[in-house]
Amino acid sequence: MLVRALRLRRQGIRLPIEELRAEVPLAGHLLMRESAYQGRDGRGKQVCLLMPPSGSAVPIVELFSARLLRIESRGLLIGGHEEFWNRKQKTSHVQVLWAWPMPPEIKEEAPPSTVSSPEVRRLLEALDAMA
């Protein structure tokens, strides 16, 4: 599902409303799937991925032990654990993701140049002659 999303926490601490309003939403495809290790790695059975719309294989956001907390008409609230790596040291923080559907971009197409009335062609020729 193509969504816009906001992280509601930073390093496990809830963000103030002023910071949330200033945040730029992330855009991507939201996926909820079972972990390849089925929870045997201690990360839980469900994984939530926010994948870039470009089709890259590296997720923008990856939540382990993901749970769907709330479904509303305005969007989804998904909770889980986000991991950060500093060399060989891993830290895991609670993270909540608010995601809402994003309508697909509508590409505006120029009208075909071959379809025009004779009056329009004469007008365009007259304008070209004036220039």
N, C-alpha and C. Protein backbone atom coordinates (compact mmCIF):
# COMPACT_ATOMS: atom_id res chain seq x y z
N MET A 1 0.84 -1.16 0.00
CA MET A 1 0.00 0.00 0.00
C MET A 1 0.90 1.24 0.00
N LEU A 2 0.64 2.18 -0.88
CA LEU A 2 1.41 3.42 -0.97
C LEU A 2 0.92 4.37 0.12
N VAL A 3 1.85 4.81 1.00
CA VAL A 3 1.48 5.62 2.16
C VAL A 3 2.46 6.77 2.36
N ARG A 4 2.03 7.70 3.18
CA ARG A 4 2.91 8.68 3.81
C ARG A 4 2.94 8.28 5.27
N ALA A 5 4.09 8.46 5.93
CA ALA A 5 4.22 7.98 7.30
C ALA A 5 5.09 8.92 8.13
N LEU A 6 4.81 8.94 9.43
CA LEU A 6 5.61 9.70 10.39
C LEU A 6 6.06 8.78 11.51
N ARG A 7 7.31 8.92 11.92
CA ARG A 7 7.79 8.25 13.14
C ARG A 7 7.34 9.12 14.31
N LEU A 8 6.67 8.51 15.29
CA LEU A 8 6.15 9.26 16.42
C LEU A 8 7.11 9.29 17.60
N ARG A 9 8.24 8.58 17.50
CA ARG A 9 9.22 8.54 18.59
C ARG A 9 10.63 8.71 18.05
N ARG A 10 11.51 9.21 18.91
CA ARG A 10 12.94 9.29 18.60
C ARG A 10 13.69 8.64 19.75
N GLN A 11 14.42 7.59 19.47
CA GLN A 11 15.15 6.80 20.46
C GLN A 11 14.23 6.35 21.59
N GLY A 12 13.02 5.98 21.24
CA GLY A 12 12.06 5.45 22.20
C GLY A 12 11.27 6.50 22.95
N ILE A 13 11.61 7.77 22.80
CA ILE A 13 10.92 8.85 23.53
C ILE A 13 9.92 9.51 22.60
N ARG A 14 8.71 9.69 23.10
CA ARG A 14 7.64 10.29 22.31
C ARG A 14 8.00 11.72 21.91
N LEU A 15 7.77 12.05 20.64
CA LEU A 15 8.08 13.39 20.14
C LEU A 15 6.99 14.38 20.52
N PRO A 16 7.36 15.61 20.88
CA PRO A 16 6.36 16.64 21.16
C PRO A 16 5.58 16.99 19.88
N ILE A 17 4.39 17.50 20.06
CA ILE A 17 3.51 17.80 18.93
C ILE A 17 4.12 18.83 17.99
N GLU A 18 4.90 19.78 18.54
CA GLU A 18 5.53 20.81 17.69
C GLU A 18 6.53 20.17 16.72
N GLU A 19 7.30 19.21 17.21
CA GLU A 19 8.26 18.53 16.35
C GLU A 19 7.56 17.65 15.31
N LEU A 20 6.47 17.01 15.72
CA LEU A 20 5.73 16.17 14.76
C LEU A 20 5.16 17.01 13.62
N ARG A 21 4.66 18.18 13.94
CA ARG A 21 4.11 19.04 12.90
C ARG A 21 5.18 19.54 11.94
N ALA A 22 6.42 19.67 12.45
CA ALA A 22 7.52 20.15 11.61
C ALA A 22 8.15 19.03 10.78
N GLU A 23 7.90 17.78 11.14
CA GLU A 23 8.49 16.64 10.42
C GLU A 23 7.93 16.54 9.00
N VAL A 24 8.80 16.15 8.09
CA VAL A 24 8.38 15.88 6.71
C VAL A 24 8.00 14.41 6.64
N PRO A 25 6.78 14.09 6.19
CA PRO A 25 6.37 12.68 6.13
C PRO A 25 7.22 11.88 5.14
N LEU A 26 7.45 10.63 5.50
CA LEU A 26 8.14 9.70 4.62
C LEU A 26 7.12 9.13 3.64
N ALA A 27 7.55 8.81 2.45
CA ALA A 27 6.64 8.22 1.46
C ALA A 27 7.20 6.87 1.03
N GLY A 28 6.32 5.89 0.91
CA GLY A 28 6.77 4.58 0.47
C GLY A 28 5.65 3.55 0.49
N HIS A 29 6.04 2.32 0.23
CA HIS A 29 5.10 1.19 0.24
C HIS A 29 5.19 0.51 1.60
N LEU A 30 4.05 0.38 2.27
CA LEU A 30 3.99 -0.23 3.59
C LEU A 30 3.69 -1.72 3.46
N LEU A 31 4.54 -2.54 4.09
CA LEU A 31 4.37 -3.99 4.05
C LEU A 31 4.39 -4.54 5.47
N MET A 32 3.49 -5.45 5.77
CA MET A 32 3.52 -6.21 7.02
C MET A 32 3.68 -7.66 6.60
N ARG A 33 4.71 -8.30 7.12
CA ARG A 33 4.93 -9.69 6.73
C ARG A 33 5.52 -10.46 7.89
N GLU A 34 5.50 -11.77 7.75
CA GLU A 34 6.09 -12.63 8.77
C GLU A 34 7.59 -12.59 8.64
N SER A 35 8.28 -12.63 9.77
CA SER A 35 9.73 -12.64 9.77
C SER A 35 10.23 -13.93 9.13
N ALA A 36 11.35 -13.84 8.44
CA ALA A 36 11.94 -15.03 7.81
C ALA A 36 12.38 -16.04 8.87
N TYR A 37 12.69 -15.54 10.07
CA TYR A 37 13.14 -16.43 11.14
C TYR A 37 12.00 -16.85 12.06
N GLN A 38 10.80 -16.38 11.80
CA GLN A 38 9.59 -16.74 12.55
C GLN A 38 9.75 -16.52 14.05
N GLY A 39 10.48 -15.46 14.42
CA GLY A 39 10.64 -15.12 15.83
C GLY A 39 11.78 -15.82 16.54
N ARG A 40 12.48 -16.72 15.86
CA ARG A 40 13.58 -17.45 16.51
C ARG A 40 14.79 -16.56 16.79
N ASP A 41 14.86 -15.40 16.14
CA ASP A 41 15.99 -14.50 16.36
C ASP A 41 15.73 -13.49 17.47
N GLY A 42 14.59 -13.60 18.15
CA GLY A 42 14.25 -12.69 19.24
C GLY A 42 13.67 -11.37 18.78
N ARG A 43 13.38 -11.24 17.50
CA ARG A 43 12.84 -9.99 16.96
C ARG A 43 11.34 -10.05 16.74
N GLY A 44 10.68 -11.10 17.09
CA GLY A 44 9.25 -11.22 16.90
C GLY A 44 8.90 -11.84 15.56
N LYS A 45 7.64 -12.22 15.42
CA LYS A 45 7.21 -12.92 14.21
C LYS A 45 6.80 -11.98 13.09
N GLN A 46 6.36 -10.78 13.41
CA GLN A 46 5.90 -9.83 12.39
C GLN A 46 6.94 -8.73 12.17
N VAL A 47 7.11 -8.35 10.91
CA VAL A 47 8.01 -7.26 10.54
C VAL A 47 7.21 -6.26 9.71
N CYS A 48 7.36 -4.98 10.02
CA CYS A 48 6.73 -3.92 9.23
C CYS A 48 7.84 -3.20 8.47
N LEU A 49 7.67 -3.08 7.16
CA LEU A 49 8.66 -2.43 6.31
C LEU A 49 8.01 -1.26 5.58
N LEU A 50 8.70 -0.13 5.58
CA LEU A 50 8.31 0.99 4.73
C LEU A 50 9.38 1.06 3.64
N MET A 51 9.01 0.60 2.46
CA MET A 51 9.96 0.50 1.34
C MET A 51 9.86 1.75 0.47
N PRO A 52 11.00 2.21 -0.07
CA PRO A 52 10.97 3.40 -0.92
C PRO A 52 10.14 3.17 -2.19
N PRO A 53 9.47 4.21 -2.68
CA PRO A 53 8.66 4.04 -3.89
C PRO A 53 9.50 3.75 -5.12
N SER A 54 10.80 4.04 -5.06
CA SER A 54 11.68 3.81 -6.22
C SER A 54 11.93 2.34 -6.49
N GLY A 55 11.61 1.47 -5.52
CA GLY A 55 11.81 0.04 -5.71
C GLY A 55 13.11 -0.46 -5.13
N SER A 56 13.80 0.35 -4.35
CA SER A 56 15.06 -0.06 -3.71
C SER A 56 14.79 -1.21 -2.74
N ALA A 57 15.82 -2.03 -2.49
CA ALA A 57 15.66 -3.19 -1.61
C ALA A 57 15.90 -2.84 -0.14
N VAL A 58 16.41 -1.63 0.15
CA VAL A 58 16.70 -1.22 1.52
C VAL A 58 15.50 -0.45 2.07
N PRO A 59 14.90 -0.91 3.19
CA PRO A 59 13.73 -0.23 3.73
C PRO A 59 14.07 1.12 4.34
N ILE A 60 13.12 2.04 4.29
CA ILE A 60 13.26 3.34 4.95
C ILE A 60 13.09 3.14 6.45
N VAL A 61 12.07 2.38 6.83
CA VAL A 61 11.80 2.05 8.23
C VAL A 61 11.58 0.55 8.32
N GLU A 62 12.15 -0.07 9.35
CA GLU A 62 11.99 -1.51 9.58
C GLU A 62 11.65 -1.70 11.06
N LEU A 63 10.45 -2.17 11.33
CA LEU A 63 10.00 -2.40 12.70
C LEU A 63 9.89 -3.90 12.95
N PHE A 64 10.56 -4.36 14.00
CA PHE A 64 10.48 -5.77 14.39
C PHE A 64 9.44 -5.91 15.50
N SER A 65 8.92 -7.11 15.69
CA SER A 65 7.83 -7.37 16.65
C SER A 65 6.68 -6.40 16.38
N ALA A 66 6.39 -6.17 15.11
CA ALA A 66 5.40 -5.18 14.71
C ALA A 66 3.99 -5.64 15.05
N ARG A 67 3.19 -4.68 15.50
CA ARG A 67 1.78 -4.92 15.80
C ARG A 67 0.95 -3.79 15.23
N LEU A 68 -0.18 -4.12 14.68
CA LEU A 68 -1.12 -3.13 14.21
C LEU A 68 -1.92 -2.66 15.42
N LEU A 69 -1.68 -1.42 15.86
CA LEU A 69 -2.30 -0.92 17.08
C LEU A 69 -3.69 -0.35 16.84
N ARG A 70 -3.86 0.34 15.71
CA ARG A 70 -5.15 0.99 15.48
C ARG A 70 -5.37 1.18 13.98
N ILE A 71 -6.61 0.98 13.56
CA ILE A 71 -7.01 1.27 12.18
C ILE A 71 -8.14 2.29 12.26
N GLU A 72 -7.95 3.41 11.60
CA GLU A 72 -8.97 4.46 11.55
C GLU A 72 -9.18 4.87 10.10
N SER A 73 -10.17 5.70 9.89
CA SER A 73 -10.40 6.20 8.54
C SER A 73 -9.26 7.10 8.08
N ARG A 74 -8.55 7.70 9.05
CA ARG A 74 -7.43 8.60 8.71
C ARG A 74 -6.13 7.86 8.48
N GLY A 75 -6.01 6.62 8.94
CA GLY A 75 -4.77 5.89 8.72
C GLY A 75 -4.56 4.75 9.69
N LEU A 76 -3.30 4.28 9.77
CA LEU A 76 -2.92 3.13 10.60
C LEU A 76 -1.89 3.55 11.63
N LEU A 77 -1.93 2.91 12.78
CA LEU A 77 -0.93 3.10 13.82
C LEU A 77 -0.26 1.75 14.05
N ILE A 78 1.06 1.69 13.80
CA ILE A 78 1.81 0.44 13.89
C ILE A 78 2.92 0.63 14.90
N GLY A 79 3.03 -0.29 15.85
CA GLY A 79 4.09 -0.24 16.86
C GLY A 79 5.06 -1.38 16.69
N GLY A 80 6.28 -1.16 17.16
CA GLY A 80 7.29 -2.20 17.08
C GLY A 80 8.61 -1.71 17.64
N HIS A 81 9.68 -2.42 17.32
CA HIS A 81 11.02 -2.06 17.78
C HIS A 81 11.87 -1.74 16.57
N GLU A 82 12.53 -0.59 16.63
CA GLU A 82 13.43 -0.18 15.56
C GLU A 82 14.86 -0.34 16.06
N GLU A 83 15.71 -0.90 15.21
CA GLU A 83 17.09 -1.16 15.61
C GLU A 83 18.04 -0.18 14.94
N PHE A 84 19.06 0.24 15.71
CA PHE A 84 20.12 1.10 15.19
C PHE A 84 21.45 0.42 15.48
N TRP A 85 22.34 0.46 14.50
CA TRP A 85 23.64 -0.18 14.65
C TRP A 85 24.72 0.88 14.66
N ASN A 86 25.65 0.76 15.63
CA ASN A 86 26.85 1.58 15.69
C ASN A 86 28.01 0.60 15.71
N ARG A 87 28.59 0.39 14.55
CA ARG A 87 29.61 -0.64 14.35
C ARG A 87 29.03 -2.00 14.73
N LYS A 88 29.50 -2.60 15.81
CA LYS A 88 29.01 -3.93 16.19
C LYS A 88 27.97 -3.87 17.31
N GLN A 89 27.63 -2.68 17.75
CA GLN A 89 26.70 -2.55 18.87
C GLN A 89 25.30 -2.18 18.35
N LYS A 90 24.33 -2.97 18.78
CA LYS A 90 22.94 -2.75 18.36
C LYS A 90 22.15 -2.17 19.52
N THR A 91 21.38 -1.13 19.24
CA THR A 91 20.43 -0.61 20.22
C THR A 91 19.05 -0.70 19.61
N SER A 92 18.08 -1.07 20.41
CA SER A 92 16.71 -1.23 19.96
C SER A 92 15.82 -0.30 20.77
N HIS A 93 14.95 0.42 20.06
CA HIS A 93 14.03 1.36 20.71
C HIS A 93 12.61 1.07 20.26
N VAL A 94 11.68 1.39 21.14
CA VAL A 94 10.26 1.29 20.78
C VAL A 94 9.97 2.39 19.76
N GLN A 95 9.24 2.04 18.73
CA GLN A 95 8.88 3.00 17.69
C GLN A 95 7.42 2.81 17.31
N VAL A 96 6.76 3.92 17.04
CA VAL A 96 5.37 3.90 16.57
C VAL A 96 5.33 4.66 15.25
N LEU A 97 4.68 4.08 14.27
CA LEU A 97 4.59 4.65 12.94
C LEU A 97 3.13 4.98 12.64
N TRP A 98 2.87 6.22 12.26
CA TRP A 98 1.53 6.64 11.84
C TRP A 98 1.57 6.73 10.32
N ALA A 99 0.74 5.95 9.63
CA ALA A 99 0.74 5.90 8.17
C ALA A 99 -0.67 6.15 7.65
N TRP A 100 -0.75 6.92 6.57
CA TRP A 100 -2.04 7.18 5.94
C TRP A 100 -1.89 6.99 4.43
N PRO A 101 -2.96 6.55 3.76
CA PRO A 101 -2.89 6.26 2.33
C PRO A 101 -2.54 7.51 1.52
N MET A 102 -1.76 7.30 0.50
CA MET A 102 -1.36 8.38 -0.39
C MET A 102 -1.94 8.07 -1.76
N PRO A 103 -2.70 9.00 -2.33
CA PRO A 103 -3.24 8.73 -3.66
C PRO A 103 -2.10 8.66 -4.67
N PRO A 104 -2.22 7.79 -5.66
CA PRO A 104 -1.16 7.71 -6.67
C PRO A 104 -1.06 9.01 -7.45
N GLU A 105 0.16 9.33 -7.86
CA GLU A 105 0.36 10.56 -8.63
C GLU A 105 -0.30 10.42 -10.00
N ILE A 106 -1.02 11.44 -10.38
CA ILE A 106 -1.68 11.46 -11.68
C ILE A 106 -0.78 12.22 -12.64
N LYS A 107 -0.36 11.54 -13.66
CA LYS A 107 0.51 12.17 -14.65
C LYS A 107 -0.35 12.95 -15.64
N GLU A 108 -0.04 14.24 -15.73
CA GLU A 108 -0.78 15.07 -16.68
C GLU A 108 -0.16 14.90 -18.06
N GLU A 109 -1.00 14.55 -18.99
CA GLU A 109 -0.52 14.35 -20.35
C GLU A 109 -0.91 15.55 -21.20
N ALA A 110 0.01 15.97 -22.03
CA ALA A 110 -0.29 17.06 -22.95
C ALA A 110 -1.25 16.55 -24.03
N PRO A 111 -2.16 17.39 -24.44
CA PRO A 111 -3.07 16.94 -25.49
C PRO A 111 -2.29 16.65 -26.77
N PRO A 112 -2.72 15.66 -27.51
CA PRO A 112 -2.01 15.34 -28.75
C PRO A 112 -2.02 16.52 -29.71
N SER A 113 -0.87 16.80 -30.31
CA SER A 113 -0.75 17.96 -31.20
C SER A 113 -1.44 17.72 -32.54
N THR A 114 -1.70 16.50 -32.88
CA THR A 114 -2.32 16.20 -34.18
C THR A 114 -3.82 16.49 -34.18
N VAL A 115 -4.42 16.49 -33.00
CA VAL A 115 -5.86 16.71 -32.94
C VAL A 115 -6.11 18.18 -32.64
N SER A 116 -6.44 18.95 -33.66
CA SER A 116 -6.80 20.35 -33.47
C SER A 116 -7.69 20.78 -34.62
N SER A 117 -8.47 21.75 -34.34
CA SER A 117 -9.39 22.23 -35.38
C SER A 117 -8.65 23.18 -36.32
N PRO A 118 -9.16 23.38 -37.52
CA PRO A 118 -8.50 24.29 -38.47
C PRO A 118 -8.42 25.73 -37.94
N GLU A 119 -9.42 26.15 -37.15
CA GLU A 119 -9.42 27.51 -36.60
C GLU A 119 -8.25 27.70 -35.63
N VAL A 120 -7.99 26.69 -34.82
CA VAL A 120 -6.88 26.76 -33.86
C VAL A 120 -5.56 26.82 -34.61
N ARG A 121 -5.42 26.03 -35.65
CA ARG A 121 -4.18 26.04 -36.44
C ARG A 121 -3.94 27.41 -37.07
N ARG A 122 -5.00 28.01 -37.62
CA ARG A 122 -4.87 29.34 -38.23
C ARG A 122 -4.49 30.39 -37.19
N LEU A 123 -5.07 30.29 -36.00
CA LEU A 123 -4.75 31.22 -34.93
C LEU A 123 -3.28 31.09 -34.52
N LEU A 124 -2.81 29.86 -34.38
CA LEU A 124 -1.41 29.64 -34.01
C LEU A 124 -0.46 30.14 -35.10
N GLU A 125 -0.82 29.93 -36.36
CA GLU A 125 0.01 30.43 -37.46
C GLU A 125 0.04 31.96 -37.46
N ALA A 126 -1.10 32.59 -37.17
CA ALA A 126 -1.15 34.06 -37.12
C ALA A 126 -0.29 34.58 -35.97
N LEU A 127 -0.31 33.90 -34.83
CA LEU A 127 0.52 34.31 -33.70
C LEU A 127 2.00 34.15 -34.02
N ASP A 128 2.36 33.07 -34.72
CA ASP A 128 3.76 32.87 -35.12
C ASP A 128 4.20 33.95 -36.10
N ALA A 129 3.31 34.36 -37.00
CA ALA A 129 3.65 35.39 -37.98
C ALA A 129 3.86 36.74 -37.31
N MET A 130 3.13 37.01 -36.22
CA MET A 130 3.27 38.28 -35.50
C MET A 130 4.60 38.36 -34.75
N ALA A 131 5.17 37.24 -34.38
CA ALA A 131 6.41 37.25 -33.57
C ALA A 131 7.64 37.45 -34.38
